[in-house]
Protein backbone atom coordinates (compact mmCIF):
# COMPACT_ATOMS: atom_id res chain seq x y z
CA MET A 1 -193.22 -18.10 39.51
CA THR A 2 -192.73 -14.36 40.01
CA ARG A 3 -190.88 -14.88 43.27
CA PHE A 4 -188.11 -16.66 41.31
CA VAL A 5 -187.80 -13.99 38.64
CA LEU A 6 -186.25 -11.31 40.86
CA PRO A 7 -183.56 -13.53 42.41
CA VAL A 8 -182.62 -14.92 38.99
CA LEU A 9 -182.51 -11.42 37.51
CA ALA A 10 -180.35 -10.18 40.40
CA LEU A 11 -178.02 -13.14 39.97
CA VAL A 12 -177.61 -12.47 36.26
CA LEU A 13 -176.93 -8.77 36.86
CA LEU A 14 -174.42 -9.45 39.62
CA ALA A 15 -172.67 -12.14 37.59
CA GLY A 16 -172.36 -9.72 34.68
CA CYS A 17 -170.59 -7.14 36.85
CA GLY A 18 -167.42 -9.21 36.79
CA PHE A 19 -167.00 -8.68 33.06
CA THR A 20 -167.02 -4.88 33.15
CA PRO A 21 -164.49 -2.27 34.28
CA GLN A 22 -166.92 -1.24 37.03
CA GLY A 23 -167.12 -4.83 38.20
CA ASN A 24 -163.34 -5.07 38.32
CA ALA A 25 -163.14 -1.82 40.33
CA LEU A 26 -165.78 -3.06 42.74
CA ARG A 27 -164.06 -6.41 43.16
CA SER A 28 -160.67 -4.80 43.83
CA ALA A 29 -162.22 -2.36 46.34
CA LEU A 30 -163.94 -5.18 48.20
CA THR A 31 -160.83 -7.35 48.18
CA GLY A 32 -158.64 -4.54 49.47
CA GLY A 33 -161.10 -3.72 52.24
CA ALA A 34 -161.37 -7.36 53.24
CA ALA A 35 -157.59 -7.75 53.35
CA GLN A 36 -157.26 -4.64 55.52
CA ALA A 37 -159.98 -5.91 57.87
CA MET A 38 -158.22 -9.27 58.20
CA ASP A 39 -154.88 -7.55 58.90
CA GLU A 40 -156.49 -5.45 61.63
CA GLY A 41 -158.13 -8.56 63.05
CA LEU A 42 -154.73 -10.25 63.32
CA ILE A 43 -153.23 -7.22 65.04
CA ASN A 44 -156.10 -7.19 67.53
CA ALA A 45 -155.77 -10.92 68.17
CA GLU A 46 -152.04 -10.63 68.78
CA PHE A 47 -152.57 -7.69 71.13
CA PHE A 48 -155.12 -9.65 73.13
CA MET A 49 -153.01 -12.80 73.17
CA CYS A 50 -149.77 -11.04 74.15
CA LYS A 51 -150.87 -8.10 76.29
CA ALA A 52 -154.51 -8.32 77.34
CA ALA A 53 -154.97 -11.98 78.31
CA SER A 54 -154.64 -12.90 81.96
CA VAL A 55 -151.56 -14.74 83.19
CA GLY A 56 -153.74 -17.69 84.17
CA SER A 57 -155.29 -18.00 80.72
CA ILE A 58 -151.86 -17.86 79.10
CA GLN A 59 -150.55 -20.52 81.48
CA ARG A 60 -153.55 -22.79 80.89
CA ARG A 61 -153.30 -22.49 77.11
CA TYR A 62 -149.57 -22.25 76.42
CA GLY A 63 -148.13 -23.88 79.52
CA GLN A 64 -149.22 -27.36 78.44
CA SER A 65 -145.96 -28.09 76.66
CA ALA A 66 -142.57 -26.57 75.96
CA GLU A 67 -143.49 -26.23 72.28
CA LEU A 68 -146.60 -24.16 73.01
CA ALA A 69 -144.73 -22.01 75.53
CA GLY A 70 -141.97 -21.46 72.96
CA ALA A 71 -144.51 -20.50 70.32
CA TRP A 72 -146.11 -17.92 72.64
CA ARG A 73 -142.68 -16.56 73.61
CA THR A 74 -141.61 -16.31 69.95
CA LEU A 75 -144.75 -14.42 68.98
CA CYS A 76 -145.14 -12.22 72.04
CA LEU A 77 -141.55 -11.73 73.23
CA PRO A 78 -139.37 -11.65 70.13
CA ASN A 79 -135.61 -11.24 70.50
CA ARG A 80 -135.63 -12.07 74.24
CA ASP A 81 -133.47 -15.25 73.94
CA GLY A 82 -134.81 -16.97 77.06
CA GLN A 83 -134.68 -13.90 79.29
CA PRO A 84 -137.41 -13.67 81.94
CA VAL A 85 -140.62 -11.87 81.14
CA PRO A 86 -140.25 -8.22 82.19
CA PHE A 87 -142.54 -6.68 84.78
CA VAL A 88 -144.95 -4.03 83.59
CA GLU A 89 -144.62 -0.81 85.53
């Protein structure tokens, strides 16, 4: 019986935080931090996909169809208009 009291008490206290100014501040801080983390995750994923992945892995994944190749080119080589991929010096 006592092992259920603490989780129920914690649940009630945490649920009550949403109805206070402190709860609102905590929720907005957590939401802002989560959004920033997701934005950084997308930036890292795009860097890996466009600049850090091997040529072979890009060809295997995006060379399967013209649509996939076009999607990769649109994301990783914007404003190139069908020009060849430049060499990295």
